[in-house]
């Protein structure tokens, strides 16, 4: 049986959303093939494990959780991935074979966790450092999509220091796009810190709000006659499969955090701060599956989803969000989520693939990828420092 370390939580503002995604994944792993080992990252960056972390109820009292969970460190010892007590008697409390990251946002989803796992030589599921980093930065994404000719809404971006040093010039540049505009922190997800501005005063207010979350700010045009459609891709650069499409409809002017996770507070009796966790995932959002769009638009989105996944070299399961001008029947690619909420399993159910089967597919894929990666050459046996000399300014002897 394969022991899967399911990592969730983290310092991100999407901490609670990640907990829900993580617990859902644990509950849906095939118990005949996998043993789930929960690894929770608290907001202070400490790691915890323990069987009771599989229960969503425990996260309602964080002090109680930290009191009874095992505070651990993860490292590789004699080719084993071990979880060791960090305090007191430092014994190994568990071992795992592979990591399933179910994390969202800054310092976890953005390549930070993936790079840490790569450094330790720990196999993991999903996209690797490069695609994870680009997938977290909405500006990087748009620049890559533009370079490949994929349609993106008109946009501009800036750093907070540039805004404070030359506010009027930044605002004039934004106004070339034309009101209304959407203001976004460039590297957050779950619609955190996003607002819509219809005039200069609202623009300034929105920028000041976004700067609370990120120093890099993205401004986009508002797509008229908007319909938001999402698709998921599964696979790697060898082959990508595309899920059923969903059309999402929020009550706010854009699909907000409240639309995505809070809703009207109804649903499962279990949850964190009003966020429900039921069998359908984080589905407070009103959604239509399959999306109510014509075949031509659907085919266009399927092709675009495969190309965007290839451009970012994603792996495992990702979700790609699109904006459609229904009147013009024009599709714009919005952003890629390399670790989507609930791993977008509900989009695959439309094709007859259960959450259990989806998890099995992405774990199997990652094991195959890892076996390929360890056969590649990443370092050489020769030691160029054997005859090194650091005298003067010549540097390493014999090296130019």
Protein backbone atom coordinates (compact mmCIF):
# COMPACT_ATOMS: atom_id res chain seq x y z
CA UNK A 1 0.00 0.00 0.00
CA UNK A 2 1.31 3.44 -0.95
CA UNK A 3 1.47 5.96 1.90
CA UNK A 4 0.43 9.38 0.60
CA UNK A 5 1.36 12.44 2.62
CA UNK A 6 -1.46 14.90 1.93
CA UNK A 7 -0.10 18.39 2.62
CA UNK A 8 -2.55 21.25 3.17
CA UNK A 9 -2.84 24.57 5.00
CA UNK A 10 0.01 27.08 4.88
CA UNK A 11 0.57 30.75 5.60
CA UNK A 12 -1.59 31.86 2.67
CA UNK A 13 -4.84 33.83 2.96
CA UNK A 14 -6.36 30.76 1.31
CA UNK A 15 -5.46 28.68 4.38
CA UNK A 16 -9.00 27.58 5.27
CA UNK A 17 -9.86 26.77 1.65
CA UNK A 18 -6.77 24.54 1.50
CA UNK A 19 -7.85 22.70 4.66
CA UNK A 20 -11.17 21.85 3.04
CA UNK A 21 -9.52 20.72 -0.21
CA UNK A 22 -7.01 18.63 1.76
CA UNK A 23 -9.57 16.88 3.95
CA UNK A 24 -11.74 16.17 0.90
CA UNK A 25 -8.79 14.56 -0.89
CA UNK A 26 -7.99 12.41 2.17
CA UNK A 27 -11.60 11.23 2.39
CA UNK A 28 -11.66 10.27 -1.30
CA UNK A 29 -8.38 8.37 -1.65
CA UNK A 30 -8.86 4.72 -2.60
CA UNK A 31 -8.28 2.96 0.73
CA UNK A 32 -7.48 -0.32 -1.02
CA UNK A 33 -4.43 1.29 -2.68
CA UNK A 34 -3.43 4.24 -0.51
CA UNK A 35 -2.99 5.13 3.13
CA UNK A 36 -3.52 8.85 3.68
CA UNK A 37 -1.13 10.58 6.08
CA UNK A 38 -2.34 14.15 6.81
CA UNK A 39 0.37 16.82 7.00
CA UNK A 40 -1.11 20.14 8.09
CA UNK A 41 0.91 23.36 7.75
CA UNK A 42 -0.29 25.91 10.34
CA UNK A 43 -0.26 29.64 9.65
CA UNK A 44 3.01 29.90 11.62
CA UNK A 45 4.54 27.45 9.07
CA UNK A 46 4.84 24.57 11.55
CA UNK A 47 3.94 21.08 10.29
CA UNK A 48 1.62 18.74 12.17
CA UNK A 49 0.42 15.19 11.66
CA UNK A 50 -2.00 12.79 13.34
CA UNK A 51 -4.94 10.62 12.29
CA UNK A 52 -7.54 12.99 13.76
CA UNK A 53 -6.43 15.70 11.29
CA UNK A 54 -8.59 13.83 8.76
CA UNK A 55 -11.69 15.23 10.50
CA UNK A 56 -12.74 18.71 9.38
CA UNK A 57 -14.30 19.43 12.79
CA UNK A 58 -10.90 19.56 14.53
CA UNK A 59 -9.95 22.75 12.65
CA UNK A 60 -12.63 24.77 14.41
CA UNK A 61 -10.36 24.89 17.48
CA UNK A 62 -6.78 25.51 16.34
CA UNK A 63 -5.40 25.67 19.91
CA UNK A 64 -6.79 22.22 20.62
CA UNK A 65 -5.41 20.92 17.35
CA UNK A 66 -1.88 22.08 18.11
CA UNK A 67 -2.11 20.65 21.61
CA UNK A 68 -2.78 17.10 20.46
CA UNK A 69 -1.27 16.89 16.96
CA UNK A 70 2.36 15.90 16.53
CA UNK A 71 4.60 18.83 15.57
CA UNK A 72 6.96 17.35 12.96
CA UNK A 73 9.70 17.89 10.43
CA UNK A 74 9.90 15.97 7.16
CA UNK A 75 13.17 14.77 5.68
CA UNK A 76 14.79 11.85 3.86
CA UNK A 77 16.71 9.26 5.88
CA UNK A 78 18.25 6.15 4.30
CA UNK A 79 16.01 6.63 1.23
CA UNK A 80 12.92 6.81 3.45
CA UNK A 81 10.71 9.88 3.71
CA UNK A 82 10.20 10.26 7.43
CA UNK A 83 8.08 12.46 9.68
CA UNK A 84 9.89 13.10 12.94
CA UNK A 85 8.76 14.72 16.18
CA UNK A 86 10.19 18.22 16.33
CA UNK A 87 9.97 18.59 20.11
CA UNK A 88 10.67 16.34 23.06
CA UNK A 89 11.77 12.80 22.24
CA UNK A 90 12.57 13.14 18.55
CA UNK A 91 11.34 9.83 17.27
CA UNK A 92 10.04 9.04 13.80
CA UNK A 93 6.24 9.03 14.02
CA UNK A 94 5.44 8.03 10.42
CA UNK A 95 6.81 7.47 6.94
CA UNK A 96 5.39 8.32 3.52
CA UNK A 97 6.12 7.31 -0.07
CA UNK A 98 4.86 10.36 -1.96
CA UNK A 99 3.40 13.81 -1.26
CA UNK A 100 0.06 15.07 -2.54
CA UNK A 101 0.11 18.88 -2.20
CA UNK A 102 -3.41 20.27 -1.79
CA UNK A 103 -2.37 23.82 -1.02
CA UNK A 104 -3.52 27.19 -2.32
CA UNK A 105 -1.78 30.54 -2.54
CA UNK A 106 1.43 32.26 -1.49
CA UNK A 107 4.39 30.30 -0.07
CA UNK A 108 2.83 26.94 -0.89
CA UNK A 109 1.14 26.66 -4.30
CA UNK A 110 3.52 29.14 -5.95
CA UNK A 111 6.46 26.72 -6.29
CA UNK A 112 7.80 27.25 -2.77
CA UNK A 113 6.60 23.89 -1.48
CA UNK A 114 7.45 22.15 -4.75
CA UNK A 115 11.01 23.52 -4.64
CA UNK A 116 11.41 22.35 -1.04
CA UNK A 117 10.28 18.85 -1.98
CA UNK A 118 12.60 18.82 -5.01
CA UNK A 119 15.50 19.91 -2.82
CA UNK A 120 14.89 16.97 -0.47
CA UNK A 121 14.34 14.55 -3.35
CA UNK A 122 10.75 13.78 -2.32
CA UNK A 123 8.36 12.71 -5.10
CA UNK A 124 5.12 14.67 -5.28
CA UNK A 125 1.93 14.95 -7.29
CA UNK A 126 1.15 17.81 -9.64
CA UNK A 127 2.93 20.65 -11.41
CA UNK A 128 6.58 21.33 -10.69
CA UNK A 129 8.36 24.52 -9.65
CA UNK A 130 8.33 26.43 -12.92
CA UNK A 131 4.69 25.95 -13.84
CA UNK A 132 3.64 26.40 -10.21
CA UNK A 133 5.45 29.75 -9.98
CA UNK A 134 4.05 31.05 -13.27
CA UNK A 135 0.60 29.70 -12.40
CA UNK A 136 0.56 31.83 -9.25
CA UNK A 137 1.53 35.07 -11.01
CA UNK A 138 -1.29 36.41 -13.16
CA UNK A 139 1.04 38.83 -14.96
CA UNK A 140 3.57 36.13 -15.90
CA UNK A 141 0.70 34.01 -17.18
CA UNK A 142 -0.71 36.74 -19.39
CA UNK A 143 2.70 37.54 -20.84
CA UNK A 144 3.24 33.89 -21.77
CA UNK A 145 -0.25 33.51 -23.22
CA UNK A 146 0.16 36.72 -25.24
CA UNK A 147 3.48 35.50 -26.65
CA UNK A 148 1.73 32.37 -27.92
CA UNK A 149 -1.18 34.31 -29.42
CA UNK A 150 -3.83 33.25 -26.90
CA UNK A 151 -6.49 35.95 -26.36
CA UNK A 152 -6.30 37.79 -23.02
CA UNK A 153 -8.25 40.85 -21.82
CA UNK A 154 -6.51 44.24 -22.08
CA UNK A 155 -4.39 44.78 -18.97
CA UNK A 156 -1.61 46.69 -17.29
CA UNK A 157 0.38 46.05 -14.13
CA UNK A 158 2.74 47.78 -11.69
CA UNK A 159 4.51 47.44 -8.37
CA UNK A 160 3.32 49.29 -5.28
CA UNK A 161 6.51 51.40 -5.15
CA UNK A 162 5.90 52.58 -8.71
CA UNK A 163 2.34 53.50 -7.76
CA UNK A 164 3.35 55.51 -4.70
CA UNK A 165 6.17 57.26 -6.57
CA UNK A 166 4.12 58.21 -9.64
CA UNK A 167 0.45 57.68 -8.89
CA UNK A 168 -0.95 60.03 -11.54
CA UNK A 169 1.07 58.42 -14.36
CA UNK A 170 -0.03 54.94 -13.27
CA UNK A 171 -3.69 56.03 -13.14
CA UNK A 172 -3.47 57.71 -16.57
CA UNK A 173 -2.07 54.48 -18.01
CA UNK A 174 -4.91 52.49 -16.43
CA UNK A 175 -7.52 54.90 -17.78
CA UNK A 176 -6.33 54.14 -21.32
CA UNK A 177 -7.99 50.76 -20.83
CA UNK A 178 -11.24 52.51 -19.93
CA UNK A 179 -13.58 52.10 -17.00
CA UNK A 180 -14.80 49.84 -15.56
CA UNK A 181 -11.72 47.82 -14.64
CA UNK A 182 -10.92 44.89 -12.36
CA UNK A 183 -8.13 45.32 -9.78
CA UNK A 184 -6.29 42.20 -8.64
CA UNK A 185 -3.33 41.29 -6.45
CA UNK A 186 -1.15 39.56 -9.05
CA UNK A 187 -0.25 36.51 -7.01
CA UNK A 188 -3.30 35.58 -4.95
CA UNK A 189 -6.17 33.23 -5.68
CA UNK A 190 -9.75 32.59 -4.54
CA UNK A 191 -10.66 36.17 -5.58
CA UNK A 192 -9.02 37.59 -2.45
CA UNK A 193 -8.35 41.35 -2.66
CA UNK A 194 -10.15 41.75 -5.99
CA UNK A 195 -12.46 44.69 -6.70
CA UNK A 196 -14.16 46.50 -9.57
CA UNK A 197 -13.73 50.22 -10.25
CA UNK A 198 -16.10 52.36 -12.29
CA UNK A 199 -14.26 55.64 -11.72
CA UNK A 200 -11.01 57.12 -10.40
CA UNK A 201 -12.06 57.20 -6.75
CA UNK A 202 -13.07 53.53 -6.80
CA UNK A 203 -9.83 52.73 -8.64
CA UNK A 204 -7.67 54.33 -5.93
CA UNK A 205 -9.66 52.57 -3.23
CA UNK A 206 -9.33 49.22 -5.02
CA UNK A 207 -5.58 49.61 -5.53
CA UNK A 208 -5.07 50.42 -1.86
CA UNK A 209 -7.05 47.30 -0.94
CA UNK A 210 -5.08 45.08 -3.33
CA UNK A 211 -1.75 46.39 -2.03
CA UNK A 212 -2.65 44.95 1.40
CA UNK A 213 -2.16 41.51 -0.14
CA UNK A 214 0.56 41.89 -2.78
CA UNK A 215 3.12 44.42 -3.97
CA UNK A 216 2.41 43.51 -7.61
CA UNK A 217 -0.95 44.71 -8.93
CA UNK A 218 -2.82 43.73 -12.09
CA UNK A 219 -5.51 45.88 -13.74
CA UNK A 220 -7.79 44.31 -16.38
CA UNK A 221 -10.59 45.49 -18.60
CA UNK A 222 -14.09 44.33 -17.70
CA UNK A 223 -15.46 41.97 -20.34
CA UNK A 224 -18.97 43.00 -21.32
CA UNK A 225 -21.85 40.52 -21.53
CA UNK A 226 -19.75 38.26 -19.36
CA UNK A 227 -20.03 34.53 -18.94
CA UNK A 228 -17.37 32.74 -16.87
CA UNK A 229 -16.50 29.22 -17.98
CA UNK A 230 -13.95 26.85 -16.44
CA UNK A 231 -12.24 23.74 -17.74
CA UNK A 232 -9.81 21.30 -16.17
CA UNK A 233 -6.91 19.50 -17.81
CA UNK A 234 -5.41 16.21 -16.69
CA UNK A 235 -2.03 14.87 -17.75
CA UNK A 236 1.40 16.20 -18.65
CA UNK A 237 3.23 17.45 -21.76
CA UNK A 238 2.87 14.02 -23.39
CA UNK A 239 -0.92 14.16 -23.39
CA UNK A 240 -3.63 16.37 -21.91
CA UNK A 241 -7.26 15.36 -21.43
CA UNK A 242 -9.90 18.07 -20.92
CA UNK A 243 -12.84 17.77 -18.53
CA UNK A 244 -16.44 18.78 -18.94
CA UNK A 245 -16.88 22.57 -18.90
CA UNK A 246 -18.73 24.51 -16.22
CA UNK A 247 -20.40 27.89 -16.34
CA UNK A 248 -20.17 29.73 -13.03
CA UNK A 249 -22.55 32.43 -11.89
CA UNK A 250 -21.92 34.58 -8.82
CA UNK A 251 -24.23 37.01 -7.13
CA UNK A 252 -21.52 39.70 -6.99
CA UNK A 253 -20.36 41.75 -9.98
CA UNK A 254 -17.47 39.37 -10.42
CA UNK A 255 -16.98 35.87 -9.01
CA UNK A 256 -15.91 36.72 -5.46
CA UNK A 257 -14.55 34.76 -2.51
CA UNK A 258 -18.05 34.93 -1.03
CA UNK A 259 -19.55 33.43 -4.21
CA UNK A 260 -16.98 30.65 -4.34
CA UNK A 261 -16.95 29.49 -0.74
CA UNK A 262 -19.44 31.18 1.57
CA UNK A 263 -22.62 31.39 -0.46
CA UNK A 264 -25.74 31.41 1.67
CA UNK A 265 -24.15 29.32 4.39
CA UNK A 266 -26.28 26.29 3.58
CA UNK A 267 -25.04 22.83 2.69
CA UNK A 268 -23.15 20.35 4.78
CA UNK A 269 -23.30 20.76 8.53
CA UNK A 270 -19.55 20.53 8.64
CA UNK A 271 -17.37 23.48 7.73
CA UNK A 272 -14.96 26.17 8.76
CA UNK A 273 -16.29 29.66 9.38
CA UNK A 274 -19.31 29.03 7.17
CA UNK A 275 -17.42 27.32 4.36
CA UNK A 276 -19.25 24.10 3.61
CA UNK A 277 -17.48 20.85 2.82
CA UNK A 278 -19.85 18.37 1.29
CA UNK A 279 -19.68 15.60 -1.26
CA UNK A 280 -19.66 18.06 -4.15
CA UNK A 281 -16.70 20.09 -2.93
CA UNK A 282 -16.59 23.82 -2.41
CA UNK A 283 -19.70 24.41 -4.47
CA UNK A 284 -21.40 27.40 -2.89
CA UNK A 285 -20.94 28.87 -6.36
CA UNK A 286 -23.95 28.47 -8.61
CA UNK A 287 -22.66 26.42 -11.49
CA UNK A 288 -24.02 24.76 -14.61
CA UNK A 289 -22.32 21.57 -15.80
CA UNK A 290 -22.01 21.23 -18.74
CA UNK A 291 -21.66 24.90 -19.58
CA UNK A 292 -24.47 26.40 -21.61
CA UNK A 293 -22.37 27.40 -24.63
CA UNK A 294 -22.42 26.36 -28.27
CA UNK A 295 -20.20 23.64 -29.70
CA UNK A 296 -17.88 26.06 -31.52
CA UNK A 297 -17.01 27.91 -28.29
CA UNK A 298 -16.65 24.64 -26.40
CA UNK A 299 -14.25 23.24 -28.99
CA UNK A 300 -12.27 26.49 -28.91
CA UNK A 301 -11.93 26.28 -25.11
CA UNK A 302 -10.84 22.63 -25.26
CA UNK A 303 -8.08 23.45 -27.74
CA UNK A 304 -7.02 26.51 -25.71
CA UNK A 305 -6.96 24.46 -22.48
CA UNK A 306 -4.55 21.92 -23.97
CA UNK A 307 -2.31 24.68 -25.37
CA UNK A 308 -2.26 26.67 -22.11
CA UNK A 309 -1.40 23.52 -20.16
CA UNK A 310 1.44 22.79 -22.58
CA UNK A 311 2.74 26.39 -22.42
CA UNK A 312 2.95 26.26 -18.63
CA UNK A 313 4.10 22.62 -18.67
CA UNK A 314 1.49 21.70 -16.07
CA UNK A 315 1.19 18.23 -14.62
CA UNK A 316 -1.58 16.40 -12.82
CA UNK A 317 -4.89 18.21 -12.64
CA UNK A 318 -5.29 21.97 -13.13
CA UNK A 319 -8.25 24.29 -13.74
CA UNK A 320 -8.25 27.03 -16.37
CA UNK A 321 -10.72 29.91 -16.15
CA UNK A 322 -12.15 31.68 -19.19
CA UNK A 323 -14.13 34.88 -19.79
CA UNK A 324 -16.64 34.94 -22.63
CA UNK A 325 -18.25 37.97 -24.23
CA UNK A 326 -21.59 36.30 -25.01
CA UNK A 327 -22.64 38.97 -27.49
CA UNK A 328 -19.45 38.85 -29.53
CA UNK A 329 -18.94 35.12 -28.82
CA UNK A 330 -15.31 35.83 -28.04
CA UNK A 331 -13.30 33.78 -25.53
CA UNK A 332 -10.50 35.19 -23.36
CA UNK A 333 -8.22 33.04 -21.24
CA UNK A 334 -8.18 34.38 -17.69
CA UNK A 335 -5.91 32.29 -15.46
CA UNK A 336 -4.58 28.84 -14.59
CA UNK A 337 -4.98 27.28 -11.13
CA UNK A 338 -2.26 24.64 -10.76
CA UNK A 339 -3.87 23.27 -7.57
CA UNK A 340 -7.56 24.14 -7.92
CA UNK A 341 -10.01 24.09 -5.04
CA UNK A 342 -11.33 20.55 -4.48
CA UNK A 343 -8.87 19.58 -7.26
CA UNK A 344 -11.75 20.40 -9.66
CA UNK A 345 -13.01 16.84 -9.27
CA UNK A 346 -16.63 17.90 -9.99
CA UNK A 347 -15.63 18.78 -13.57
CA UNK A 348 -14.44 15.21 -14.15
CA UNK A 349 -17.59 13.66 -12.77
CA UNK A 350 -19.28 15.00 -15.90
CA UNK A 351 -17.13 12.59 -17.92
CA UNK A 352 -17.85 9.68 -15.60
CA UNK A 353 -14.61 9.93 -13.59
CA UNK A 354 -15.09 9.82 -9.81
CA UNK A 355 -12.95 11.80 -7.37
CA UNK A 356 -11.36 8.51 -6.29
CA UNK A 357 -10.41 7.71 -9.89
CA UNK A 358 -9.09 11.24 -10.45
CA UNK A 359 -6.79 10.99 -7.42
CA UNK A 360 -5.60 7.56 -8.55
CA UNK A 361 -4.83 8.95 -12.03
CA UNK A 362 -2.78 11.92 -10.82
CA UNK A 363 -0.83 9.83 -8.28
CA UNK A 364 -0.05 7.18 -10.92
CA UNK A 365 1.04 9.90 -13.35
CA UNK A 366 3.36 11.48 -10.77
CA UNK A 367 5.00 8.15 -9.95
CA UNK A 368 5.73 7.59 -13.65
CA UNK A 369 7.11 11.13 -13.95
CA UNK A 370 9.31 10.67 -10.89
CA UNK A 371 10.80 7.45 -12.29
CA UNK A 372 11.66 9.34 -15.49
CA UNK A 373 13.16 12.29 -13.62
CA UNK A 374 15.52 10.25 -11.45
CA UNK A 375 17.06 8.75 -14.62
CA UNK A 376 18.03 12.19 -15.92
CA UNK A 377 21.45 13.73 -15.31
CA UNK A 378 21.39 16.65 -12.87
CA UNK A 379 24.98 16.61 -11.60
CA UNK A 380 28.40 15.20 -12.50
CA UNK A 381 30.64 12.91 -10.49
CA UNK A 382 33.79 14.99 -11.16
CA UNK A 383 34.77 17.52 -8.50
CA UNK A 384 36.05 20.68 -10.15
CA UNK A 385 37.00 22.06 -6.74
CA UNK A 386 39.70 19.42 -6.12
CA UNK A 387 42.43 21.65 -7.54
CA UNK A 388 40.70 24.93 -6.83
CA UNK A 389 42.63 28.04 -5.96
CA UNK A 390 40.96 31.18 -4.65
CA UNK A 391 44.13 33.30 -4.62
CA UNK A 392 43.73 36.81 -5.96
CA UNK A 393 41.00 37.49 -8.48
CA UNK A 394 41.51 34.47 -10.74
CA UNK A 395 38.78 32.45 -9.10
CA UNK A 396 38.77 28.69 -9.48
CA UNK A 397 42.02 27.46 -10.98
CA UNK A 398 41.71 26.55 -14.63
CA UNK A 399 38.19 27.82 -14.98
CA UNK A 400 37.52 30.87 -17.09
